[in-house]
Protein backbone atom coordinates (compact mmCIF):
# COMPACT_ATOMS: atom_id res chain seq x y z
CA UNK A 1 -0.20 0.00 -0.11
CA UNK A 2 1.26 3.47 -0.37
CA UNK A 3 0.13 6.76 0.61
CA UNK A 4 0.37 9.45 -1.99
CA UNK A 5 -0.40 12.89 -0.84
CA UNK A 6 -1.38 16.12 -2.38
CA UNK A 7 -2.23 19.53 -0.47
CA UNK A 8 -3.94 22.72 -1.85
CA UNK A 9 -2.10 24.93 1.56
CA UNK A 10 -5.37 25.78 3.23
CA UNK A 11 -5.13 22.23 5.31
CA UNK A 12 -7.08 20.59 2.46
CA UNK A 13 -5.48 17.26 1.45
CA UNK A 14 -6.30 14.87 -1.19
CA UNK A 15 -4.75 11.37 -0.61
CA UNK A 16 -4.47 8.63 -3.11
CA UNK A 17 -3.85 5.21 -1.71
CA UNK A 18 -2.74 2.73 -3.90
CA UNK A 19 -4.22 -1.11 -2.55
CA UNK A 20 -3.05 -3.20 -5.76
CA UNK A 21 -5.04 -2.76 -8.94
CA UNK A 22 -7.62 -0.88 -6.36
CA UNK A 23 -7.27 2.46 -6.47
CA UNK A 24 -9.45 4.97 -4.24
CA UNK A 25 -9.26 8.85 -3.91
CA UNK A 26 -10.09 10.04 -0.36
CA UNK A 27 -10.39 14.43 0.21
CA UNK A 28 -9.38 15.03 3.76
CA UNK A 29 -9.45 18.18 6.01
CA UNK A 30 -6.20 18.74 8.25
CA UNK A 31 -5.63 20.71 11.12
CA UNK A 32 -2.50 20.61 12.79
CA UNK A 33 -3.15 20.71 16.60
CA UNK A 34 0.40 20.92 18.09
CA UNK A 35 3.92 20.25 16.35
CA UNK A 36 3.55 17.21 16.46
CA UNK A 37 -0.30 16.21 16.06
CA UNK A 38 -2.74 16.54 13.30
CA UNK A 39 -6.15 15.84 13.40
CA UNK A 40 -7.96 14.02 9.53
CA UNK A 41 -11.64 14.72 8.92
CA UNK A 42 -12.79 12.88 5.31
CA UNK A 43 -14.78 15.62 3.43
CA UNK A 44 -17.70 15.68 0.75
CA UNK A 45 -16.96 18.81 -0.36
CA UNK A 46 -15.01 21.65 -0.09
CA UNK A 47 -17.93 24.33 -0.18
CA UNK A 48 -15.96 27.98 0.49
CA UNK A 49 -12.19 29.03 0.81
CA UNK A 50 -11.47 32.87 0.88
CA UNK A 51 -10.15 35.47 3.33
CA UNK A 52 -11.45 38.52 4.86
CA UNK A 53 -9.24 41.74 5.78
CA UNK A 54 -9.40 39.43 9.22
CA UNK A 55 -9.05 35.89 9.12
CA UNK A 56 -8.69 33.04 6.36
CA UNK A 57 -12.52 31.37 6.14
CA UNK A 58 -13.59 28.15 4.80
CA UNK A 59 -16.78 26.17 4.75
CA UNK A 60 -16.38 22.38 4.50
CA UNK A 61 -18.98 19.34 4.28
CA UNK A 62 -17.16 16.69 6.14
CA UNK A 63 -18.43 13.19 6.35
CA UNK A 64 -18.13 12.96 10.18
CA UNK A 65 -19.51 15.99 11.38
CA UNK A 66 -21.62 18.37 8.13
CA UNK A 67 -20.64 21.59 7.71
CA UNK A 68 -17.82 22.86 9.44
CA UNK A 69 -16.64 26.35 9.60
CA UNK A 70 -12.95 27.13 9.25
CA UNK A 71 -11.45 30.35 10.41
CA UNK A 72 -7.85 30.77 10.15
CA UNK A 73 -7.11 27.08 9.69
CA UNK A 74 -8.84 26.09 13.72
CA UNK A 75 -12.26 24.59 13.63
CA UNK A 76 -14.81 27.00 15.05
CA UNK A 77 -17.97 25.38 14.40
CA UNK A 78 -19.72 21.63 13.01
CA UNK A 79 -23.20 20.71 11.89
CA UNK A 80 -23.49 17.90 14.11
CA UNK A 81 -22.33 18.69 17.68
CA UNK A 82 -22.34 22.66 17.62
CA UNK A 83 -25.32 22.17 19.96
CA UNK A 84 -22.91 21.22 22.65
CA UNK A 85 -20.55 24.80 22.50
CA UNK A 86 -23.45 26.99 22.34
CA UNK A 87 -25.97 25.58 24.96
CA UNK A 88 -22.62 25.61 27.31
CA UNK A 89 -22.21 29.17 26.59
CA UNK A 90 -25.07 30.34 26.42
CA UNK A 91 -27.59 28.99 28.82
CA UNK A 92 -25.83 29.09 32.62
CA UNK A 93 -25.02 32.59 32.20
CA UNK A 94 -29.05 32.96 31.58
CA UNK A 95 -30.37 30.64 33.92
CA UNK A 96 -28.41 32.18 36.90
CA UNK A 97 -29.89 35.71 36.17
CA UNK A 98 -32.81 36.42 37.72
CA UNK A 99 -34.22 37.77 34.74
CA UNK A 100 -31.86 39.09 31.58
CA UNK A 101 -33.57 41.05 29.12
CA UNK A 102 -30.62 42.29 27.36
CA UNK A 103 -27.65 40.96 26.03
CA UNK A 104 -24.46 41.62 24.20
CA UNK A 105 -22.82 39.16 22.32
CA UNK A 106 -18.57 39.88 21.27
CA UNK A 107 -18.10 37.91 18.16
CA UNK A 108 -20.95 35.64 17.48
CA UNK A 109 -20.86 35.87 13.70
CA UNK A 110 -22.03 32.19 12.89
CA UNK A 111 -25.61 33.04 14.38
CA UNK A 112 -25.40 29.91 16.92
CA UNK A 113 -25.49 31.85 20.35
CA UNK A 114 -27.65 34.70 19.32
CA UNK A 115 -30.07 31.50 18.32
CA UNK A 116 -29.77 29.96 21.85
CA UNK A 117 -30.35 33.59 23.49
CA UNK A 118 -33.10 34.20 21.62
CA UNK A 119 -34.71 30.33 22.99
CA UNK A 120 -34.94 32.83 26.65
CA UNK A 121 -38.90 34.60 26.73
CA UNK A 122 -37.45 36.78 29.07
CA UNK A 123 -34.42 38.09 26.50
CA UNK A 124 -35.85 41.88 25.08
CA UNK A 125 -32.94 42.64 22.96
CA UNK A 126 -29.70 41.48 22.12
CA UNK A 127 -26.92 43.53 20.15
CA UNK A 128 -24.57 40.74 18.31
CA UNK A 129 -21.04 42.73 17.53
CA UNK A 130 -18.64 41.13 15.45
CA UNK A 131 -15.92 42.62 13.37
CA UNK A 132 -15.93 40.95 10.60
CA UNK A 133 -18.43 41.59 8.06
CA UNK A 134 -17.77 38.94 5.70
CA UNK A 135 -17.94 36.00 8.40
CA UNK A 136 -21.16 37.44 9.10
CA UNK A 137 -22.66 37.39 5.71
CA UNK A 138 -21.22 34.42 4.67
CA UNK A 139 -22.96 32.53 7.48
CA UNK A 140 -26.42 34.10 7.18
CA UNK A 141 -26.43 32.82 3.54
CA UNK A 142 -25.11 29.63 3.97
CA UNK A 143 -25.94 28.01 7.47
CA UNK A 144 -29.24 27.64 7.00
CA UNK A 145 -30.00 26.73 10.64
CA UNK A 146 -29.49 29.98 12.12
CA UNK A 147 -31.40 32.41 9.61
CA UNK A 148 -34.48 32.53 12.02
CA UNK A 149 -32.12 33.71 14.18
CA UNK A 150 -30.95 36.40 11.94
CA UNK A 151 -34.37 38.10 11.64
CA UNK A 152 -35.67 37.84 14.56
CA UNK A 153 -36.37 41.98 15.78
CA UNK A 154 -34.55 41.75 19.03
CA UNK A 155 -31.69 41.26 17.20
CA UNK A 156 -29.47 44.13 16.69
CA UNK A 157 -26.67 43.39 14.53
CA UNK A 158 -23.51 45.47 14.35
CA UNK A 159 -20.18 45.32 12.13
CA UNK A 160 -17.79 46.66 15.11
CA UNK A 161 -14.26 45.98 16.82
CA UNK A 162 -17.21 45.06 19.98
CA UNK A 163 -14.26 46.97 22.86
CA UNK A 164 -14.87 50.20 20.42
CA UNK A 165 -19.00 49.11 20.32
CA UNK A 166 -19.13 48.51 24.94
CA UNK A 167 -17.30 51.47 24.91
CA UNK A 168 -18.98 53.92 23.17
CA UNK A 169 -22.55 51.96 23.96
CA UNK A 170 -24.42 53.89 26.60
CA UNK A 171 -26.48 51.12 28.00
CA UNK A 172 -25.68 48.52 30.29
CA UNK A 173 -26.52 44.67 29.62
CA UNK A 174 -27.75 41.83 31.98
CA UNK A 175 -25.40 39.35 30.02
CA UNK A 176 -22.18 40.11 28.05
CA UNK A 177 -21.02 36.82 25.95
CA UNK A 178 -17.53 36.20 24.80
CA UNK A 179 -17.88 34.22 21.74
CA UNK A 180 -14.49 35.04 20.50
CA UNK A 181 -12.40 32.89 18.19
CA UNK A 182 -9.30 31.27 20.41
CA UNK A 183 -6.79 33.99 21.38
CA UNK A 184 -4.01 33.28 18.10
CA UNK A 185 -0.33 35.21 17.45
CA UNK A 186 -2.17 37.53 14.96
CA UNK A 187 -5.52 36.80 15.29
CA UNK A 188 -7.92 39.62 15.42
CA UNK A 189 -9.35 39.15 19.49
CA UNK A 190 -6.49 38.32 21.44
CA UNK A 191 -6.90 41.50 23.36
CA UNK A 192 -10.22 40.75 24.32
CA UNK A 193 -9.44 38.36 26.84
CA UNK A 194 -7.29 40.48 29.25
CA UNK A 195 -7.59 42.13 32.47
CA UNK A 196 -7.84 45.85 31.21
CA UNK A 197 -10.29 44.75 28.88
CA UNK A 198 -11.74 43.02 31.32
CA UNK A 199 -11.99 45.28 34.12
CA UNK A 200 -12.38 48.79 32.44
CA UNK A 201 -14.97 47.53 29.62
CA UNK A 202 -17.27 44.22 30.48
CA UNK A 203 -17.54 45.01 33.74
CA UNK A 204 -18.71 48.66 33.84
CA UNK A 205 -20.95 47.24 30.88
CA UNK A 206 -22.91 44.97 32.72
CA UNK A 207 -26.17 45.77 35.20
CA UNK A 208 -26.04 45.72 38.76
CA UNK A 209 -26.19 41.60 39.42
CA UNK A 210 -24.90 41.41 35.79
CA UNK A 211 -23.17 38.04 34.51
CA UNK A 212 -20.01 38.10 31.90
CA UNK A 213 -19.16 34.84 29.96
CA UNK A 214 -16.78 33.40 27.41
CA UNK A 215 -15.31 30.99 26.04
CA UNK A 216 -11.92 30.03 27.00
CA UNK A 217 -10.51 27.23 24.50
CA UNK A 218 -9.08 24.00 25.18
CA UNK A 219 -9.19 22.79 28.55
CA UNK A 220 -8.64 19.08 28.32
CA UNK A 221 -5.83 17.41 30.57
CA UNK A 222 -2.92 17.97 28.28
CA UNK A 223 -4.49 21.15 27.24
CA UNK A 224 -5.97 23.50 29.41
CA UNK A 225 -2.52 25.13 30.49
CA UNK A 226 -2.44 26.98 27.18
CA UNK A 227 -5.13 29.53 27.79
CA UNK A 228 -7.96 28.27 29.86
CA UNK A 229 -6.13 28.31 33.15
CA UNK A 230 -4.88 31.93 32.42
CA UNK A 231 -8.24 33.29 31.52
CA UNK A 232 -10.05 31.57 35.05
CA UNK A 233 -7.46 33.62 36.60
CA UNK A 234 -7.39 37.01 34.83
CA UNK A 235 -11.20 37.17 35.64
CA UNK A 236 -10.51 36.24 39.44
CA UNK A 237 -8.48 39.37 39.57
CA UNK A 238 -12.12 41.47 38.04
CA UNK A 239 -14.51 39.75 39.36
CA UNK A 240 -16.06 38.39 42.61
CA UNK A 241 -17.45 35.23 41.75
CA UNK A 242 -15.46 32.53 38.75
CA UNK A 243 -16.42 29.91 37.54
CA UNK A 244 -14.96 26.98 35.31
CA UNK A 245 -16.59 24.58 33.44
CA UNK A 246 -15.74 22.07 30.79
CA UNK A 247 -17.41 19.65 28.02
CA UNK A 248 -16.30 17.25 25.47
CA UNK A 249 -16.88 18.53 21.57
CA UNK A 250 -15.94 15.52 19.50
CA UNK A 251 -15.17 17.62 16.37
CA UNK A 252 -12.85 19.67 18.63
CA UNK A 253 -11.18 15.94 19.69
CA UNK A 254 -10.50 17.78 23.07
CA UNK A 255 -12.50 18.73 26.17
CA UNK A 256 -13.65 22.47 25.69
CA UNK A 257 -14.01 25.23 28.34
CA UNK A 258 -16.25 28.20 29.18
CA UNK A 259 -15.67 30.55 31.81
CA UNK A 260 -19.34 32.57 34.33
CA UNK A 261 -18.06 35.31 36.37
CA UNK A 262 -20.16 37.63 38.47
CA UNK A 263 -20.06 39.89 41.27
CA UNK A 264 -23.03 38.07 42.44
CA UNK A 265 -22.94 33.97 43.93
CA UNK A 266 -24.37 31.34 41.53
CA UNK A 267 -26.75 30.00 44.07
CA UNK A 268 -28.85 28.00 41.59
CA UNK A 269 -28.92 24.75 42.15
CA UNK A 270 -29.33 21.41 39.70
CA UNK A 271 -33.35 21.35 40.13
CA UNK A 272 -33.50 25.29 40.09
CA UNK A 273 -31.90 25.51 36.71
CA UNK A 274 -34.01 22.87 35.23
CA UNK A 275 -37.36 24.97 36.91
CA UNK A 276 -36.00 27.96 34.97
CA UNK A 277 -35.25 26.20 32.01
CA UNK A 278 -38.94 24.87 32.19
CA UNK A 279 -40.26 28.11 32.60
CA UNK A 280 -38.36 30.60 30.27
CA UNK A 281 -36.95 28.88 27.47
CA UNK A 282 -39.30 27.84 24.51
CA UNK A 283 -38.24 24.10 23.10
CA UNK A 284 -36.01 22.11 25.07
CA UNK A 285 -31.99 21.80 25.17
CA UNK A 286 -30.28 18.48 23.78
CA UNK A 287 -27.24 18.74 26.02
CA UNK A 288 -27.35 21.29 28.80
CA UNK A 289 -29.34 20.92 32.53
CA UNK A 290 -29.14 21.50 35.93
CA UNK A 291 -27.39 18.23 36.35
CA UNK A 292 -24.60 18.67 33.61
CA UNK A 293 -24.03 21.52 34.20
CA UNK A 294 -23.20 20.65 37.95
CA UNK A 295 -21.08 18.25 36.33
CA UNK A 296 -19.21 20.05 33.98
CA UNK A 297 -18.50 22.22 36.45
CA UNK A 298 -16.27 19.50 38.69
CA UNK A 299 -13.17 19.74 36.99
CA UNK A 300 -10.87 16.99 37.24
CA UNK A 301 -8.35 16.94 39.83
CA UNK A 302 -5.13 17.40 37.26
CA UNK A 303 -7.03 20.27 36.34
CA UNK A 304 -8.08 21.90 39.19
CA UNK A 305 -4.55 21.84 41.14
CA UNK A 306 -3.84 24.02 37.68
CA UNK A 307 -6.02 26.42 38.21
CA UNK A 308 -5.82 26.76 42.25
CA UNK A 309 -1.60 27.38 41.18
CA UNK A 310 -1.98 29.44 38.46
CA UNK A 311 -0.55 32.80 38.22
CA UNK A 312 -0.26 34.38 35.05
CA UNK A 313 -3.03 37.33 34.60
CA UNK A 314 -3.84 37.79 30.96
CA UNK A 315 -2.27 41.52 29.63
CA UNK A 316 -1.76 42.11 26.17
CA UNK A 317 2.34 42.57 27.01
CA UNK A 318 1.67 38.58 28.35
CA UNK A 319 -0.40 37.24 25.91
CA UNK A 320 -0.78 33.55 25.77
CA UNK A 321 -2.03 32.04 22.58
CA UNK A 322 -2.83 28.42 21.50
CA UNK A 323 -0.95 27.02 18.98
CA UNK A 324 -1.55 28.24 15.33
CA UNK A 325 -1.22 31.94 14.08
CA UNK A 326 -3.89 34.49 12.87
CA UNK A 327 -3.92 35.58 9.20
CA UNK A 328 -2.64 38.93 10.79
CA UNK A 329 1.21 36.76 12.24
CA UNK A 330 0.75 35.59 8.05
CA UNK A 331 0.54 38.97 6.67
CA UNK A 332 2.99 40.33 8.67
CA UNK A 333 5.71 37.27 8.56
């Protein structure tokens, strides 16, 4: 058997395998997780490849995970399991808040975070602020599952830098959600994980009793020290109550992390969260309920020890990045 690889330079590879007279050709997407570790996904088709002013953009139809959105060479969202990520990002914050009416999304260009927020009956106003108009337009056109959310009258879509938008807005929000790309060197948003940003922009943008939640990168046994532990420690410097939690996402091939923070304690137990879900949410979550959140916030011993020992605070001068580079780094290399 001989493997004859070919690549187009965007992480998409054609592999011809020879088995005597039987020759089969497969197309694969390959993501470099670390220098010595790559993950491959078989493809049905390549739906789009391109680049905006900020990021490289690819939409693939994969065999195991359906349509997959790739930004700067990193899988952001896959059709078959994105609900895990977005339910974990949105619902713990909104359910712990006593009556969430206004929500600000930093990022969220694909529309899935807005979709989950708009399931909450109490929500009156959602601002989704994404810097990359091309990504937003692309997702509005191609991700049919979120078209209803984009048309919802409660959603205000803003194309701007989230920091600049939060700074200039006069109204405060009950919940602010960080649905940002991972902090990549040369990426468009690593500054939005810094202590100064949380302290001077996010916290002052919250109503009294408000809640902030952010995606916080890989949180697996081998990957949680990349950025997860540092973001956790940074938020501890700004908010009184900070809870990290995680879940396995198959298409990421890893455990993923989120962190929820507030100056009010998170007192709702599993039963109360389930009660609020039934009262407040239109429809039913597929993944997250009270017991699931309780389990997600019980991290493994090795991760708990790392978080307890973490001393680094995320600043622009001492930023930490996950493996890989954003388009901005490539443009200046």
